[in-house]
N, C-alpha and C. Protein backbone atom coordinates (compact mmCIF):
# COMPACT_ATOMS: atom_id res chain seq x y z
N UNK A 1 0.84 -1.17 0.00
CA UNK A 1 0.00 0.00 0.00
C UNK A 1 0.89 1.23 0.00
N UNK A 2 0.63 2.14 -0.92
CA UNK A 2 1.35 3.40 -0.87
C UNK A 2 0.40 4.55 -1.15
N UNK A 3 0.79 5.71 -0.77
CA UNK A 3 -0.09 6.89 -0.84
C UNK A 3 0.62 7.94 -1.66
N UNK A 4 -0.07 8.57 -2.58
CA UNK A 4 0.56 9.58 -3.42
C UNK A 4 0.37 11.00 -2.92
N UNK A 5 -0.52 11.23 -1.99
CA UNK A 5 -0.74 12.57 -1.46
C UNK A 5 -0.66 12.53 0.06
N UNK A 6 -0.21 13.63 0.68
CA UNK A 6 -0.19 13.64 2.15
C UNK A 6 -1.61 13.64 2.70
N UNK A 7 -1.77 13.04 3.86
CA UNK A 7 -3.07 13.00 4.54
C UNK A 7 -3.07 14.12 5.57
N UNK A 8 -4.14 14.89 5.59
CA UNK A 8 -4.24 16.01 6.52
C UNK A 8 -5.57 15.98 7.22
N UNK A 9 -5.65 16.66 8.37
CA UNK A 9 -6.95 16.85 9.01
C UNK A 9 -7.57 18.13 8.44
N UNK A 10 -8.90 18.13 8.35
CA UNK A 10 -9.60 19.26 7.75
C UNK A 10 -10.01 20.29 8.79
N UNK A 11 -10.13 21.54 8.31
CA UNK A 11 -10.66 22.58 9.18
C UNK A 11 -12.19 22.44 9.25
N UNK A 12 -12.84 23.29 10.00
CA UNK A 12 -14.29 23.21 10.17
C UNK A 12 -15.05 24.17 9.27
N UNK A 13 -14.40 24.71 8.26
CA UNK A 13 -15.00 25.71 7.39
C UNK A 13 -16.11 25.13 6.53
N UNK A 14 -17.14 25.93 6.29
CA UNK A 14 -18.22 25.58 5.37
C UNK A 14 -18.01 26.21 4.00
N UNK A 15 -16.85 26.82 3.78
CA UNK A 15 -16.56 27.47 2.51
C UNK A 15 -16.47 26.44 1.39
N UNK A 16 -16.21 26.91 0.21
CA UNK A 16 -16.10 26.09 -1.00
C UNK A 16 -15.37 24.78 -0.73
N UNK A 17 -16.07 23.66 -0.89
CA UNK A 17 -15.49 22.35 -0.56
C UNK A 17 -14.46 21.87 -1.58
N UNK A 18 -14.27 22.63 -2.68
CA UNK A 18 -13.21 22.26 -3.63
C UNK A 18 -11.85 22.76 -3.16
N UNK A 19 -11.82 23.57 -2.11
CA UNK A 19 -10.56 24.07 -1.55
C UNK A 19 -9.94 23.02 -0.64
N UNK A 20 -8.63 23.09 -0.38
CA UNK A 20 -7.95 22.05 0.42
C UNK A 20 -8.43 21.92 1.86
N UNK A 21 -8.81 23.02 2.50
CA UNK A 21 -9.30 23.01 3.89
C UNK A 21 -8.32 22.42 4.89
N UNK A 22 -7.04 22.76 4.74
CA UNK A 22 -6.04 22.37 5.74
C UNK A 22 -6.27 23.18 7.01
N UNK A 23 -6.04 22.54 8.13
CA UNK A 23 -6.01 23.31 9.38
C UNK A 23 -4.75 24.16 9.35
N UNK A 24 -4.76 25.26 10.09
CA UNK A 24 -3.57 26.10 10.18
C UNK A 24 -3.10 26.10 11.63
N UNK A 25 -1.90 25.61 11.92
CA UNK A 25 -0.97 25.00 10.96
C UNK A 25 -1.47 23.62 10.52
N UNK A 26 -0.89 23.15 9.42
CA UNK A 26 -1.31 21.85 8.88
C UNK A 26 -1.04 20.75 9.89
N UNK A 27 -2.02 19.84 9.99
CA UNK A 27 -1.88 18.66 10.84
C UNK A 27 -1.88 17.44 9.93
N UNK A 28 -0.74 16.77 9.86
CA UNK A 28 -0.62 15.61 8.99
C UNK A 28 -1.03 14.35 9.72
N UNK A 29 -1.57 13.41 8.99
CA UNK A 29 -2.05 12.14 9.52
C UNK A 29 -1.20 11.03 8.90
N UNK A 30 -0.84 10.05 9.70
CA UNK A 30 -0.06 8.93 9.16
C UNK A 30 -0.98 7.95 8.44
N UNK A 31 -0.42 7.22 7.51
CA UNK A 31 -1.17 6.19 6.81
C UNK A 31 -1.66 5.14 7.79
N UNK A 32 -0.88 4.89 8.85
CA UNK A 32 -1.30 3.92 9.88
C UNK A 32 -2.62 4.32 10.53
N UNK A 33 -2.83 5.63 10.72
CA UNK A 33 -4.09 6.09 11.32
C UNK A 33 -5.27 5.78 10.40
N UNK A 34 -5.06 5.90 9.10
CA UNK A 34 -6.11 5.57 8.14
C UNK A 34 -6.38 4.07 8.14
N UNK A 35 -5.32 3.28 8.19
CA UNK A 35 -5.45 1.82 8.20
C UNK A 35 -6.22 1.37 9.44
N UNK A 36 -5.99 2.04 10.58
CA UNK A 36 -6.73 1.71 11.81
C UNK A 36 -8.23 1.88 11.63
N UNK A 37 -8.63 2.77 10.73
CA UNK A 37 -10.05 3.00 10.44
C UNK A 37 -10.58 1.99 9.42
N UNK A 38 -9.68 1.19 8.86
CA UNK A 38 -10.09 0.22 7.86
C UNK A 38 -10.01 0.74 6.44
N UNK A 39 -9.43 1.93 6.26
CA UNK A 39 -9.31 2.53 4.93
C UNK A 39 -7.98 2.11 4.32
N UNK A 40 -8.04 1.54 3.13
CA UNK A 40 -6.84 1.13 2.41
C UNK A 40 -6.68 2.04 1.20
N UNK A 41 -5.44 2.36 0.86
CA UNK A 41 -5.19 3.32 -0.21
C UNK A 41 -3.94 2.94 -0.97
N UNK A 42 -3.99 3.08 -2.28
CA UNK A 42 -2.84 2.78 -3.13
C UNK A 42 -2.65 3.86 -4.16
N UNK A 43 -1.45 3.97 -4.70
CA UNK A 43 -1.16 4.74 -5.90
C UNK A 43 -0.84 3.72 -6.97
N UNK A 44 -1.71 3.62 -7.98
CA UNK A 44 -1.58 2.61 -9.02
C UNK A 44 -1.24 3.25 -10.35
N UNK A 45 -0.91 2.43 -11.32
CA UNK A 45 -0.56 2.89 -12.66
C UNK A 45 -1.86 3.14 -13.44
N UNK A 46 -2.35 4.37 -13.42
CA UNK A 46 -3.62 4.69 -14.07
C UNK A 46 -3.56 4.55 -15.59
N UNK A 47 -2.37 4.73 -16.16
CA UNK A 47 -2.24 4.62 -17.62
C UNK A 47 -2.17 3.18 -18.08
N UNK A 48 -1.98 2.26 -17.16
CA UNK A 48 -1.84 0.84 -17.51
C UNK A 48 -2.70 -0.02 -16.60
N UNK A 49 -3.86 0.50 -16.18
CA UNK A 49 -4.67 -0.20 -15.19
C UNK A 49 -5.15 -1.57 -15.66
N UNK A 50 -5.33 -1.74 -16.96
CA UNK A 50 -5.78 -3.03 -17.47
C UNK A 50 -4.76 -4.13 -17.30
N UNK A 51 -3.49 -3.76 -17.18
CA UNK A 51 -2.41 -4.74 -17.03
C UNK A 51 -1.59 -4.55 -15.76
N UNK A 52 -2.10 -3.75 -14.83
CA UNK A 52 -1.35 -3.44 -13.62
C UNK A 52 -1.36 -4.64 -12.67
N UNK A 53 -0.19 -5.26 -12.44
CA UNK A 53 -0.16 -6.44 -11.56
C UNK A 53 -0.56 -6.12 -10.12
N UNK A 54 -0.27 -4.90 -9.66
CA UNK A 54 -0.66 -4.52 -8.30
C UNK A 54 -2.18 -4.47 -8.17
N UNK A 55 -2.87 -3.92 -9.18
CA UNK A 55 -4.33 -3.87 -9.16
C UNK A 55 -4.91 -5.28 -9.22
N UNK A 56 -4.32 -6.13 -10.03
CA UNK A 56 -4.78 -7.52 -10.12
C UNK A 56 -4.62 -8.22 -8.77
N UNK A 57 -3.51 -7.98 -8.11
CA UNK A 57 -3.25 -8.57 -6.80
C UNK A 57 -4.28 -8.10 -5.77
N UNK A 58 -4.62 -6.82 -5.80
CA UNK A 58 -5.61 -6.27 -4.88
C UNK A 58 -6.96 -6.93 -5.11
N UNK A 59 -7.35 -7.06 -6.38
CA UNK A 59 -8.62 -7.71 -6.72
C UNK A 59 -8.66 -9.14 -6.18
N UNK A 60 -7.57 -9.86 -6.36
CA UNK A 60 -7.52 -11.26 -5.92
C UNK A 60 -7.53 -11.38 -4.40
N UNK A 61 -6.71 -10.56 -3.73
CA UNK A 61 -6.62 -10.64 -2.27
C UNK A 61 -7.94 -10.28 -1.58
N UNK A 62 -8.68 -9.36 -2.16
CA UNK A 62 -9.91 -8.89 -1.53
C UNK A 62 -11.16 -9.53 -2.11
N UNK A 63 -10.99 -10.36 -3.15
CA UNK A 63 -12.13 -11.03 -3.75
C UNK A 63 -13.09 -10.08 -4.44
N UNK A 64 -12.55 -8.98 -4.99
CA UNK A 64 -13.40 -7.98 -5.63
C UNK A 64 -13.92 -8.46 -6.97
N UNK A 65 -15.13 -8.04 -7.26
CA UNK A 65 -15.70 -8.17 -8.60
C UNK A 65 -16.24 -6.78 -8.95
N UNK A 66 -16.62 -6.62 -10.18
CA UNK A 66 -17.18 -5.33 -10.57
C UNK A 66 -18.68 -5.27 -10.27
N UNK A 67 -19.27 -6.38 -9.89
CA UNK A 67 -20.67 -6.42 -9.53
C UNK A 67 -20.80 -6.16 -8.04
N UNK A 68 -21.69 -5.26 -7.67
CA UNK A 68 -21.86 -4.93 -6.26
C UNK A 68 -23.23 -4.30 -6.05
N UNK A 69 -23.58 -4.07 -4.79
CA UNK A 69 -24.79 -3.31 -4.49
C UNK A 69 -24.51 -2.42 -3.29
N UNK A 70 -25.42 -1.47 -3.06
CA UNK A 70 -25.29 -0.52 -1.97
C UNK A 70 -26.49 -0.64 -1.04
N UNK A 71 -26.32 -0.18 0.18
CA UNK A 71 -27.43 -0.17 1.13
C UNK A 71 -28.17 1.16 1.10
N UNK A 72 -27.75 2.08 0.25
CA UNK A 72 -28.46 3.34 0.00
C UNK A 72 -28.58 3.52 -1.50
N UNK A 73 -29.51 4.38 -1.92
CA UNK A 73 -29.61 4.69 -3.34
C UNK A 73 -28.29 5.27 -3.83
N UNK A 74 -27.98 5.02 -5.10
CA UNK A 74 -26.81 5.62 -5.74
C UNK A 74 -27.32 6.43 -6.92
N UNK A 75 -26.93 7.70 -6.98
CA UNK A 75 -27.39 8.59 -8.02
C UNK A 75 -26.19 8.99 -8.87
N UNK A 76 -26.29 8.75 -10.18
CA UNK A 76 -25.17 9.02 -11.08
C UNK A 76 -25.63 9.92 -12.22
N UNK A 77 -24.89 11.00 -12.44
CA UNK A 77 -25.18 11.93 -13.52
C UNK A 77 -23.98 11.96 -14.47
N UNK A 78 -24.22 11.72 -15.74
CA UNK A 78 -23.15 11.72 -16.75
C UNK A 78 -22.94 13.15 -17.25
N UNK A 79 -21.85 13.78 -16.86
CA UNK A 79 -21.55 15.15 -17.24
C UNK A 79 -20.86 15.22 -18.60
N UNK A 80 -20.19 14.15 -19.00
CA UNK A 80 -19.51 14.10 -20.30
C UNK A 80 -19.20 12.64 -20.62
N UNK A 81 -19.05 12.35 -21.90
CA UNK A 81 -18.72 10.99 -22.32
C UNK A 81 -19.91 10.06 -22.24
N UNK A 82 -19.62 8.76 -22.11
CA UNK A 82 -20.69 7.76 -22.05
C UNK A 82 -20.15 6.44 -21.50
N UNK A 83 -21.07 5.61 -21.04
CA UNK A 83 -20.72 4.28 -20.54
C UNK A 83 -21.98 3.44 -20.46
N UNK A 84 -21.77 2.16 -20.14
CA UNK A 84 -22.88 1.24 -19.96
C UNK A 84 -23.11 1.03 -18.47
N UNK A 85 -24.38 0.95 -18.10
CA UNK A 85 -24.78 0.59 -16.74
C UNK A 85 -25.53 -0.71 -16.84
N UNK A 86 -25.03 -1.75 -16.18
CA UNK A 86 -25.67 -3.06 -16.20
C UNK A 86 -26.29 -3.33 -14.84
N UNK A 87 -27.56 -3.74 -14.84
CA UNK A 87 -28.25 -4.09 -13.61
C UNK A 87 -28.84 -5.49 -13.75
N UNK A 88 -28.93 -6.20 -12.63
CA UNK A 88 -29.50 -7.54 -12.62
C UNK A 88 -30.99 -7.46 -12.32
N UNK A 89 -31.81 -8.17 -13.14
CA UNK A 89 -33.24 -8.17 -12.88
C UNK A 89 -33.61 -9.25 -11.87
N UNK A 90 -34.90 -9.42 -11.61
CA UNK A 90 -35.37 -10.39 -10.60
C UNK A 90 -35.11 -11.84 -11.00
N UNK A 91 -34.82 -12.07 -12.28
CA UNK A 91 -34.52 -13.43 -12.76
C UNK A 91 -33.03 -13.65 -12.97
N UNK A 92 -32.19 -12.76 -12.40
CA UNK A 92 -30.73 -12.82 -12.52
C UNK A 92 -30.22 -12.62 -13.94
N UNK A 93 -31.00 -11.98 -14.78
CA UNK A 93 -30.53 -11.61 -16.12
C UNK A 93 -30.01 -10.17 -16.06
N UNK A 94 -28.98 -9.89 -16.85
CA UNK A 94 -28.42 -8.55 -16.88
C UNK A 94 -29.15 -7.69 -17.89
N UNK A 95 -29.43 -6.45 -17.53
CA UNK A 95 -30.03 -5.46 -18.42
C UNK A 95 -29.02 -4.32 -18.56
N UNK A 96 -28.76 -3.91 -19.80
CA UNK A 96 -27.75 -2.87 -20.05
C UNK A 96 -28.42 -1.60 -20.52
N UNK A 97 -28.02 -0.47 -19.90
CA UNK A 97 -28.46 0.85 -20.35
C UNK A 97 -27.24 1.62 -20.80
N UNK A 98 -27.35 2.26 -21.95
CA UNK A 98 -26.27 3.09 -22.46
C UNK A 98 -26.49 4.50 -21.95
N UNK A 99 -25.63 4.97 -21.09
CA UNK A 99 -25.77 6.28 -20.47
C UNK A 99 -24.84 7.26 -21.18
N UNK A 100 -25.44 8.32 -21.71
CA UNK A 100 -24.68 9.34 -22.44
C UNK A 100 -24.75 10.67 -21.71
N UNK A 101 -23.98 11.65 -22.20
CA UNK A 101 -23.94 12.98 -21.59
C UNK A 101 -25.35 13.49 -21.31
N UNK A 102 -25.57 13.94 -20.09
CA UNK A 102 -26.86 14.44 -19.66
C UNK A 102 -27.74 13.39 -19.02
N UNK A 103 -27.35 12.12 -19.14
CA UNK A 103 -28.14 11.04 -18.56
C UNK A 103 -27.92 10.93 -17.06
N UNK A 104 -28.97 10.60 -16.34
CA UNK A 104 -28.86 10.39 -14.90
C UNK A 104 -29.59 9.10 -14.55
N UNK A 105 -28.99 8.33 -13.65
CA UNK A 105 -29.56 7.06 -13.19
C UNK A 105 -29.64 7.11 -11.68
N UNK A 106 -30.73 6.61 -11.14
CA UNK A 106 -30.84 6.39 -9.70
C UNK A 106 -30.99 4.89 -9.52
N UNK A 107 -30.02 4.29 -8.85
CA UNK A 107 -30.05 2.85 -8.59
C UNK A 107 -30.63 2.62 -7.20
N UNK A 108 -31.63 1.75 -7.12
CA UNK A 108 -32.25 1.50 -5.81
C UNK A 108 -31.33 0.70 -4.90
N UNK A 109 -31.70 0.66 -3.66
CA UNK A 109 -30.98 -0.11 -2.66
C UNK A 109 -30.90 -1.58 -3.08
N UNK A 110 -29.75 -2.17 -2.90
CA UNK A 110 -29.50 -3.61 -3.08
C UNK A 110 -29.78 -4.15 -4.48
N UNK A 111 -29.59 -3.34 -5.51
CA UNK A 111 -29.66 -3.88 -6.86
C UNK A 111 -28.22 -4.15 -7.32
N UNK A 112 -27.96 -5.36 -7.77
CA UNK A 112 -26.64 -5.68 -8.27
C UNK A 112 -26.40 -4.91 -9.56
N UNK A 113 -25.23 -4.30 -9.67
CA UNK A 113 -24.92 -3.50 -10.84
C UNK A 113 -23.42 -3.41 -11.05
N UNK A 114 -23.05 -3.04 -12.26
CA UNK A 114 -21.67 -2.67 -12.56
C UNK A 114 -21.67 -1.76 -13.76
N UNK A 115 -20.55 -1.09 -13.96
CA UNK A 115 -20.41 -0.12 -15.04
C UNK A 115 -19.21 -0.50 -15.89
N UNK A 116 -19.28 -0.14 -17.15
CA UNK A 116 -18.14 -0.31 -18.03
C UNK A 116 -18.17 0.80 -19.07
N UNK A 117 -17.00 1.24 -19.49
CA UNK A 117 -16.95 2.25 -20.54
C UNK A 117 -17.40 1.66 -21.86
N UNK A 118 -17.91 2.52 -22.74
CA UNK A 118 -18.21 2.07 -24.09
C UNK A 118 -16.97 2.35 -24.97
N UNK A 119 -17.12 2.31 -26.27
CA UNK A 119 -15.97 2.48 -27.16
C UNK A 119 -15.36 3.88 -27.12
N UNK A 120 -16.11 4.86 -26.59
CA UNK A 120 -15.53 6.21 -26.46
C UNK A 120 -14.41 6.22 -25.42
N UNK A 121 -14.46 5.27 -24.48
CA UNK A 121 -13.42 5.10 -23.46
C UNK A 121 -13.25 6.34 -22.58
N UNK A 122 -14.34 7.08 -22.37
CA UNK A 122 -14.26 8.28 -21.53
C UNK A 122 -15.61 8.56 -20.89
N UNK A 123 -15.58 8.92 -19.63
CA UNK A 123 -16.79 9.41 -18.95
C UNK A 123 -16.37 10.34 -17.81
N UNK A 124 -17.18 11.35 -17.60
CA UNK A 124 -17.07 12.19 -16.41
C UNK A 124 -18.42 12.07 -15.72
N UNK A 125 -18.41 11.50 -14.55
CA UNK A 125 -19.67 11.22 -13.86
C UNK A 125 -19.65 11.87 -12.48
N UNK A 126 -20.79 12.40 -12.09
CA UNK A 126 -20.97 12.90 -10.73
C UNK A 126 -21.80 11.87 -10.00
N UNK A 127 -21.36 11.51 -8.82
CA UNK A 127 -22.03 10.49 -8.03
C UNK A 127 -22.55 11.13 -6.75
N UNK A 128 -23.79 10.84 -6.41
CA UNK A 128 -24.35 11.35 -5.16
C UNK A 128 -24.82 10.17 -4.33
N UNK A 129 -24.61 10.27 -3.06
CA UNK A 129 -25.12 9.29 -2.12
C UNK A 129 -26.10 10.00 -1.21
N UNK A 130 -27.20 9.37 -0.98
CA UNK A 130 -28.24 9.91 -0.12
C UNK A 130 -27.91 9.52 1.32
N UNK A 131 -27.87 10.51 2.19
CA UNK A 131 -27.63 10.22 3.60
C UNK A 131 -28.81 10.73 4.40
N UNK A 132 -29.37 9.88 5.20
CA UNK A 132 -30.48 10.27 6.06
C UNK A 132 -30.11 9.91 7.50
N UNK A 133 -30.13 10.91 8.35
CA UNK A 133 -29.88 10.68 9.76
C UNK A 133 -31.23 10.74 10.46
N UNK A 134 -31.39 10.00 11.50
CA UNK A 134 -32.66 9.92 12.21
C UNK A 134 -33.18 11.31 12.54
N UNK A 135 -34.43 11.57 12.15
CA UNK A 135 -35.07 12.84 12.46
C UNK A 135 -34.63 14.00 11.60
N UNK A 136 -33.79 13.77 10.58
CA UNK A 136 -33.31 14.87 9.75
C UNK A 136 -33.76 14.69 8.31
N UNK A 137 -33.66 15.76 7.55
CA UNK A 137 -33.99 15.74 6.13
C UNK A 137 -32.88 15.03 5.38
N UNK A 138 -33.24 14.33 4.30
CA UNK A 138 -32.26 13.65 3.46
C UNK A 138 -31.31 14.66 2.83
N UNK A 139 -30.04 14.30 2.74
CA UNK A 139 -29.02 15.16 2.15
C UNK A 139 -28.30 14.39 1.05
N UNK A 140 -28.11 15.04 -0.09
CA UNK A 140 -27.35 14.44 -1.18
C UNK A 140 -25.93 14.98 -1.15
N UNK A 141 -24.96 14.10 -1.35
CA UNK A 141 -23.57 14.48 -1.43
C UNK A 141 -23.07 14.12 -2.82
N UNK A 142 -22.69 15.12 -3.62
CA UNK A 142 -22.18 14.88 -4.97
C UNK A 142 -20.67 14.77 -4.93
N UNK A 143 -20.13 13.78 -5.66
CA UNK A 143 -18.69 13.58 -5.76
C UNK A 143 -18.28 13.68 -7.20
């Protein structure tokens, strides 16, 4: 496991969340502190991800597949490019939707799904997760 950026603690500001939000002075966090929380992080070869042996090793060690589900709705908006969204129906058959620029999908709780790029080999997607705390209004977080 290696990390390509320093880990810092955030300030309490509500200002523009695209800013770094370092505390002043900066408080750095060790990778061990992140691991204690169960967060694993790597710097991989993004230009060669299809043949990256480290990525393959991670997939094998953790038993990852591209099929998964969430315990909350997942909201995806395609800001540019295109890709396929595959979902499993009630009979375990896969249904494919071609999502293009401007398309938005809301995936319900616990639906098996995975995504793959189409021949354009490019997508810019915004992902939102719905968070509801007891007694509060639902909040969407876009990433």
